[in-house]
PDB file of N, CA and C in Angstrom:
ATOM      1  N   MET A   1     -13.676  19.413  19.654  1.00  0.00           N
ATOM      2  CA  MET A   1     -12.303  19.062  19.323  1.00  0.00           C
ATOM      3  C   MET A   1     -12.224  18.738  17.832  1.00  0.00           C
ATOM      4  N   ASP A   2     -11.219  19.262  17.176  1.00  0.00           N
ATOM      5  CA  ASP A   2     -11.033  19.056  15.739  1.00  0.00           C
ATOM      6  C   ASP A   2      -9.998  17.959  15.496  1.00  0.00           C
ATOM      7  N   TRP A   3     -10.404  16.924  14.798  1.00  0.00           N
ATOM      8  CA  TRP A   3      -9.542  15.781  14.505  1.00  0.00           C
ATOM      9  C   TRP A   3      -8.951  15.836  13.104  1.00  0.00           C
ATOM     10  N   GLN A   4      -9.153  16.927  12.403  1.00  0.00           N
ATOM     11  CA  GLN A   4      -8.725  16.993  11.006  1.00  0.00           C
ATOM     12  C   GLN A   4      -7.227  16.759  10.836  1.00  0.00           C
ATOM     13  N   LYS A   5      -6.422  17.304  11.723  1.00  0.00           N
ATOM     14  CA  LYS A   5      -4.969  17.121  11.628  1.00  0.00           C
ATOM     15  C   LYS A   5      -4.606  15.633  11.717  1.00  0.00           C
ATOM     16  N   GLU A   6      -5.206  14.927  12.669  1.00  0.00           N
ATOM     17  CA  GLU A   6      -4.932  13.499  12.832  1.00  0.00           C
ATOM     18  C   GLU A   6      -5.443  12.698  11.639  1.00  0.00           C
ATOM     19  N   LEU A   7      -6.622  13.035  11.137  1.00  0.00           N
ATOM     20  CA  LEU A   7      -7.170  12.346   9.965  1.00  0.00           C
ATOM     21  C   LEU A   7      -6.302  12.573   8.732  1.00  0.00           C
ATOM     22  N   ASP A   8      -5.801  13.783   8.573  1.00  0.00           N
ATOM     23  CA  ASP A   8      -4.902  14.081   7.448  1.00  0.00           C
ATOM     24  C   ASP A   8      -3.619  13.257   7.538  1.00  0.00           C
ATOM     25  N   GLU A   9      -3.098  13.103   8.745  1.00  0.00           N
ATOM     26  CA  GLU A   9      -1.881  12.309   8.932  1.00  0.00           C
ATOM     27  C   GLU A   9      -2.133  10.835   8.608  1.00  0.00           C
ATOM     28  N   LEU A  10      -3.260  10.304   9.035  1.00  0.00           N
ATOM     29  CA  LEU A  10      -3.595   8.916   8.705  1.00  0.00           C
ATOM     30  C   LEU A  10      -3.724   8.730   7.200  1.00  0.00           C
ATOM     31  N   ARG A  11      -4.367   9.666   6.534  1.00  0.00           N
ATOM     32  CA  ARG A  11      -4.514   9.575   5.079  1.00  0.00           C
ATOM     33  C   ARG A  11      -3.153   9.657   4.394  1.00  0.00           C
ATOM     34  N   ARG A  12      -2.263  10.517   4.901  1.00  0.00           N
ATOM     35  CA  ARG A  12      -0.918  10.623   4.342  1.00  0.00           C
ATOM     36  C   ARG A  12      -0.179   9.293   4.473  1.00  0.00           C
ATOM     37  N   ARG A  13      -0.317   8.655   5.625  1.00  0.00           N
ATOM     38  CA  ARG A  13       0.340   7.362   5.834  1.00  0.00           C
ATOM     39  C   ARG A  13      -0.251   6.275   4.935  1.00  0.00           C
ATOM     40  N   GLU A  14      -1.568   6.298   4.750  1.00  0.00           N
ATOM     41  CA  GLU A  14      -2.197   5.331   3.845  1.00  0.00           C
ATOM     42  C   GLU A  14      -1.705   5.521   2.418  1.00  0.00           C
ATOM     43  N   GLU A  15      -1.604   6.754   1.983  1.00  0.00           N
ATOM     44  CA  GLU A  15      -1.119   7.030   0.627  1.00  0.00           C
ATOM     45  C   GLU A  15       0.324   6.562   0.460  1.00  0.00           C
ATOM     46  N   PHE A  16       1.136   6.740   1.486  1.00  0.00           N
ATOM     47  CA  PHE A  16       2.518   6.263   1.425  1.00  0.00           C
ATOM     48  C   PHE A  16       2.550   4.741   1.305  1.00  0.00           C
ATOM     49  N   ALA A  17       1.716   4.072   2.084  1.00  0.00           N
ATOM     50  CA  ALA A  17       1.658   2.603   2.025  1.00  0.00           C
ATOM     51  C   ALA A  17       1.213   2.136   0.646  1.00  0.00           C
ATOM     52  N   GLU A  18       0.276   2.841   0.034  1.00  0.00           N
ATOM     53  CA  GLU A  18      -0.205   2.473  -1.302  1.00  0.00           C
ATOM     54  C   GLU A  18       0.884   2.624  -2.355  1.00  0.00           C
ATOM     55  N   ARG A  19       1.825   3.525  -2.120  1.00  0.00           N
ATOM     56  CA  ARG A  19       2.926   3.723  -3.080  1.00  0.00           C
ATOM     57  C   ARG A  19       4.014   2.662  -2.935  1.00  0.00           C
ATOM     58  N   LEU A  20       3.871   1.783  -1.941  1.00  0.00           N
ATOM     59  CA  LEU A  20       4.796   0.657  -1.751  1.00  0.00           C
ATOM     60  C   LEU A  20       6.249   1.094  -1.618  1.00  0.00           C
ATOM     61  N   GLY A  21       6.485   2.216  -0.967  1.00  0.00           N
ATOM     62  CA  GLY A  21       7.855   2.683  -0.765  1.00  0.00           C
ATOM     63  C   GLY A  21       8.376   3.570  -1.868  1.00  0.00           C
ATOM     64  N   GLY A  22       7.590   3.804  -2.889  1.00  0.00           N
ATOM     65  CA  GLY A  22       7.995   4.692  -3.975  1.00  0.00           C
ATOM     66  C   GLY A  22       8.377   3.946  -5.234  1.00  0.00           C
ATOM     67  N   PRO A  23       8.505   4.694  -6.325  1.00  0.00           N
ATOM     68  CA  PRO A  23       8.785   4.077  -7.625  1.00  0.00           C
ATOM     69  C   PRO A  23      10.105   3.319  -7.681  1.00  0.00           C
ATOM     70  N   GLU A  24      11.095   3.752  -6.899  1.00  0.00           N
ATOM     71  CA  GLU A  24      12.382   3.055  -6.917  1.00  0.00           C
ATOM     72  C   GLU A  24      12.241   1.633  -6.381  1.00  0.00           C
ATOM     73  N   ARG A  25      11.482   1.487  -5.325  1.00  0.00           N
ATOM     74  CA  ARG A  25      11.298   0.152  -4.733  1.00  0.00           C
ATOM     75  C   ARG A  25      10.444  -0.737  -5.629  1.00  0.00           C
ATOM     76  N   VAL A  26       9.436  -0.162  -6.256  1.00  0.00           N
ATOM     77  CA  VAL A  26       8.617  -0.943  -7.190  1.00  0.00           C
ATOM     78  C   VAL A  26       9.477  -1.392  -8.364  1.00  0.00           C
ATOM     79  N   LYS A  27      10.301  -0.489  -8.873  1.00  0.00           N
ATOM     80  CA  LYS A  27      11.188  -0.830  -9.989  1.00  0.00           C
ATOM     81  C   LYS A  27      12.157  -1.935  -9.592  1.00  0.00           C
ATOM     82  N   ARG A  28      12.667  -1.861  -8.382  1.00  0.00           N
ATOM     83  CA  ARG A  28      13.591  -2.894  -7.904  1.00  0.00           C
ATOM     84  C   ARG A  28      12.909  -4.265  -7.871  1.00  0.00           C
ATOM     85  N   GLN A  29      11.656  -4.290  -7.455  1.00  0.00           N
ATOM     86  CA  GLN A  29      10.899  -5.553  -7.475  1.00  0.00           C
ATOM     87  C   GLN A  29      10.769  -6.065  -8.901  1.00  0.00           C
ATOM     88  N   HIS A  30      10.353  -5.191  -9.801  1.00  0.00           N
ATOM     89  CA  HIS A  30      10.148  -5.584 -11.197  1.00  0.00           C
ATOM     90  C   HIS A  30      11.465  -5.987 -11.855  1.00  0.00           C
ATOM     91  N   ASP A  31      12.530  -5.264 -11.569  1.00  0.00           N
ATOM     92  CA  ASP A  31      13.844  -5.600 -12.136  1.00  0.00           C
ATOM     93  C   ASP A  31      14.315  -6.980 -11.679  1.00  0.00           C
ATOM     94  N   GLY A  32      13.886  -7.384 -10.504  1.00  0.00           N
ATOM     95  CA  GLY A  32      14.248  -8.699  -9.986  1.00  0.00           C
ATOM     96  C   GLY A  32      13.300  -9.797 -10.439  1.00  0.00           C
ATOM     97  N   GLY A  33      12.389  -9.451 -11.355  1.00  0.00           N
ATOM     98  CA  GLY A  33      11.447 -10.443 -11.852  1.00  0.00           C
ATOM     99  C   GLY A  33      10.326 -10.764 -10.880  1.00  0.00           C
ATOM    100  N   ARG A  34      10.080  -9.854  -9.942  1.00  0.00           N
ATOM    101  CA  ARG A  34       9.051 -10.074  -8.928  1.00  0.00           C
ATOM    102  C   ARG A  34       7.917  -9.070  -9.089  1.00  0.00           C
ATOM    103  N   TYR A  35       6.757  -9.448  -8.588  1.00  0.00           N
ATOM    104  CA  TYR A  35       5.614  -8.547  -8.511  1.00  0.00           C
ATOM    105  C   TYR A  35       5.597  -7.910  -7.126  1.00  0.00           C
ATOM    106  N   THR A  36       4.952  -6.750  -7.013  1.00  0.00           N
ATOM    107  CA  THR A  36       4.734  -6.164  -5.694  1.00  0.00           C
ATOM    108  C   THR A  36       3.664  -6.993  -4.991  1.00  0.00           C
ATOM    109  N   ILE A  37       3.528  -6.803  -3.705  1.00  0.00           N
ATOM    110  CA  ILE A  37       2.549  -7.578  -2.949  1.00  0.00           C
ATOM    111  C   ILE A  37       1.137  -7.345  -3.477  1.00  0.00           C
ATOM    112  N   ARG A  38       0.800  -6.128  -3.808  1.00  0.00           N
ATOM    113  CA  ARG A  38      -0.549  -5.861  -4.313  1.00  0.00           C
ATOM    114  C   ARG A  38      -0.753  -6.464  -5.701  1.00  0.00           C
ATOM    115  N   GLU A  39       0.289  -6.509  -6.504  1.00  0.00           N
ATOM    116  CA  GLU A  39       0.196  -7.166  -7.812  1.00  0.00           C
ATOM    117  C   GLU A  39      -0.006  -8.670  -7.637  1.00  0.00           C
ATOM    118  N   ARG A  40       0.671  -9.256  -6.659  1.00  0.00           N
ATOM    119  CA  ARG A  40       0.508 -10.694  -6.400  1.00  0.00           C
ATOM    120  C   ARG A  40      -0.904 -11.008  -5.936  1.00  0.00           C
ATOM    121  N   ILE A  41      -1.416 -10.186  -5.039  1.00  0.00           N
ATOM    122  CA  ILE A  41      -2.780 -10.402  -4.554  1.00  0.00           C
ATOM    123  C   ILE A  41      -3.770 -10.266  -5.703  1.00  0.00           C
ATOM    124  N   ALA A  42      -3.576  -9.261  -6.556  1.00  0.00           N
ATOM    125  CA  ALA A  42      -4.478  -9.053  -7.697  1.00  0.00           C
ATOM    126  C   ALA A  42      -4.497 -10.262  -8.624  1.00  0.00           C
ATOM    127  N   ARG A  43      -3.382 -10.973  -8.730  1.00  0.00           N
ATOM    128  CA  ARG A  43      -3.328 -12.162  -9.579  1.00  0.00           C
ATOM    129  C   ARG A  43      -3.987 -13.374  -8.918  1.00  0.00           C
ATOM    130  N   LEU A  44      -4.124 -13.349  -7.602  1.00  0.00           N
ATOM    131  CA  LEU A  44      -4.686 -14.486  -6.870  1.00  0.00           C
ATOM    132  C   LEU A  44      -6.199 -14.442  -6.706  1.00  0.00           C
ATOM    133  N   VAL A  45      -6.756 -13.253  -6.612  1.00  0.00           N
ATOM    134  CA  VAL A  45      -8.176 -13.130  -6.276  1.00  0.00           C
ATOM    135  C   VAL A  45      -8.960 -12.526  -7.432  1.00  0.00           C
ATOM    136  N   ASP A  46     -10.264 -12.721  -7.388  1.00  0.00           N
ATOM    137  CA  ASP A  46     -11.136 -12.124  -8.389  1.00  0.00           C
ATOM    138  C   ASP A  46     -11.215 -10.620  -8.162  1.00  0.00           C
ATOM    139  N   PRO A  47     -11.333  -9.836  -9.241  1.00  0.00           N
ATOM    140  CA  PRO A  47     -11.431  -8.378  -9.103  1.00  0.00           C
ATOM    141  C   PRO A  47     -12.576  -7.980  -8.172  1.00  0.00           C
ATOM    142  N   GLY A  48     -12.277  -7.057  -7.281  1.00  0.00           N
ATOM    143  CA  GLY A  48     -13.288  -6.527  -6.372  1.00  0.00           C
ATOM    144  C   GLY A  48     -13.575  -7.387  -5.152  1.00  0.00           C
ATOM    145  N   THR A  49     -12.875  -8.516  -4.992  1.00  0.00           N
ATOM    146  CA  THR A  49     -13.164  -9.392  -3.856  1.00  0.00           C
ATOM    147  C   THR A  49     -12.201  -9.204  -2.695  1.00  0.00           C
ATOM    148  N   PHE A  50     -11.104  -8.514  -2.897  1.00  0.00           N
ATOM    149  CA  PHE A  50     -10.131  -8.301  -1.827  1.00  0.00           C
ATOM    150  C   PHE A  50     -10.237  -6.873  -1.325  1.00  0.00           C
ATOM    151  N   HIS A  51     -10.376  -6.731  -0.007  1.00  0.00           N
ATOM    152  CA  HIS A  51     -10.437  -5.411   0.613  1.00  0.00           C
ATOM    153  C   HIS A  51      -9.356  -5.356   1.688  1.00  0.00           C
ATOM    154  N   GLU A  52      -8.362  -4.544   1.453  1.00  0.00           N
ATOM    155  CA  GLU A  52      -7.221  -4.461   2.363  1.00  0.00           C
ATOM    156  C   GLU A  52      -7.611  -3.755   3.653  1.00  0.00           C
ATOM    157  N   LEU A  53      -7.232  -4.351   4.763  1.00  0.00           N
ATOM    158  CA  LEU A  53      -7.449  -3.763   6.083  1.00  0.00           C
ATOM    159  C   LEU A  53      -6.099  -3.520   6.734  1.00  0.00           C
ATOM    160  N   GLY A  54      -6.001  -2.486   7.508  1.00  0.00           N
ATOM    161  CA  GLY A  54      -4.774  -2.241   8.254  1.00  0.00           C
ATOM    162  C   GLY A  54      -3.590  -1.858   7.387  1.00  0.00           C
ATOM    163  N   LYS A  55      -3.812  -1.010   6.388  1.00  0.00           N
ATOM    164  CA  LYS A  55      -2.727  -0.608   5.483  1.00  0.00           C
ATOM    165  C   LYS A  55      -1.528  -0.039   6.213  1.00  0.00           C
ATOM    166  N   ILE A  56      -1.783   0.633   7.304  1.00  0.00           N
ATOM    167  CA  ILE A  56      -0.679   1.310   7.982  1.00  0.00           C
ATOM    168  C   ILE A  56      -0.225   0.560   9.231  1.00  0.00           C
ATOM    169  N   ALA A  57      -0.692  -0.664   9.408  1.00  0.00           N
ATOM    170  CA  ALA A  57      -0.234  -1.480  10.534  1.00  0.00           C
ATOM    171  C   ALA A  57       1.144  -2.042  10.211  1.00  0.00           C
ATOM    172  N   GLY A  58       1.925  -2.278  11.205  1.00  0.00           N
ATOM    173  CA  GLY A  58       3.244  -2.866  10.988  1.00  0.00           C
ATOM    174  C   GLY A  58       4.344  -1.899  11.339  1.00  0.00           C
ATOM    175  N   ARG A  59       5.529  -2.257  10.900  1.00  0.00           N
ATOM    176  CA  ARG A  59       6.677  -1.431  11.266  1.00  0.00           C
ATOM    177  C   ARG A  59       6.777  -0.193  10.383  1.00  0.00           C
ATOM    178  N   ALA A  60       7.417   0.811  10.916  1.00  0.00           N
ATOM    179  CA  ALA A  60       7.564   2.070  10.181  1.00  0.00           C
ATOM    180  C   ALA A  60       8.918   2.145   9.534  1.00  0.00           C
TER     181      ALA A  60
END
């Protein structure tokens, strides 16, 4: 059985999650004087110490 199609879909969803909804949503956060969630985490922890799990968990 070939799982490549399913693996490609999971990777596509992970990439979408990493884009945080796209440049418009990131800009909206920045325009409001806010950081994105990943920017906030980066400011809280030492570099290389945070490893995100479950990127695609949650609501769609």
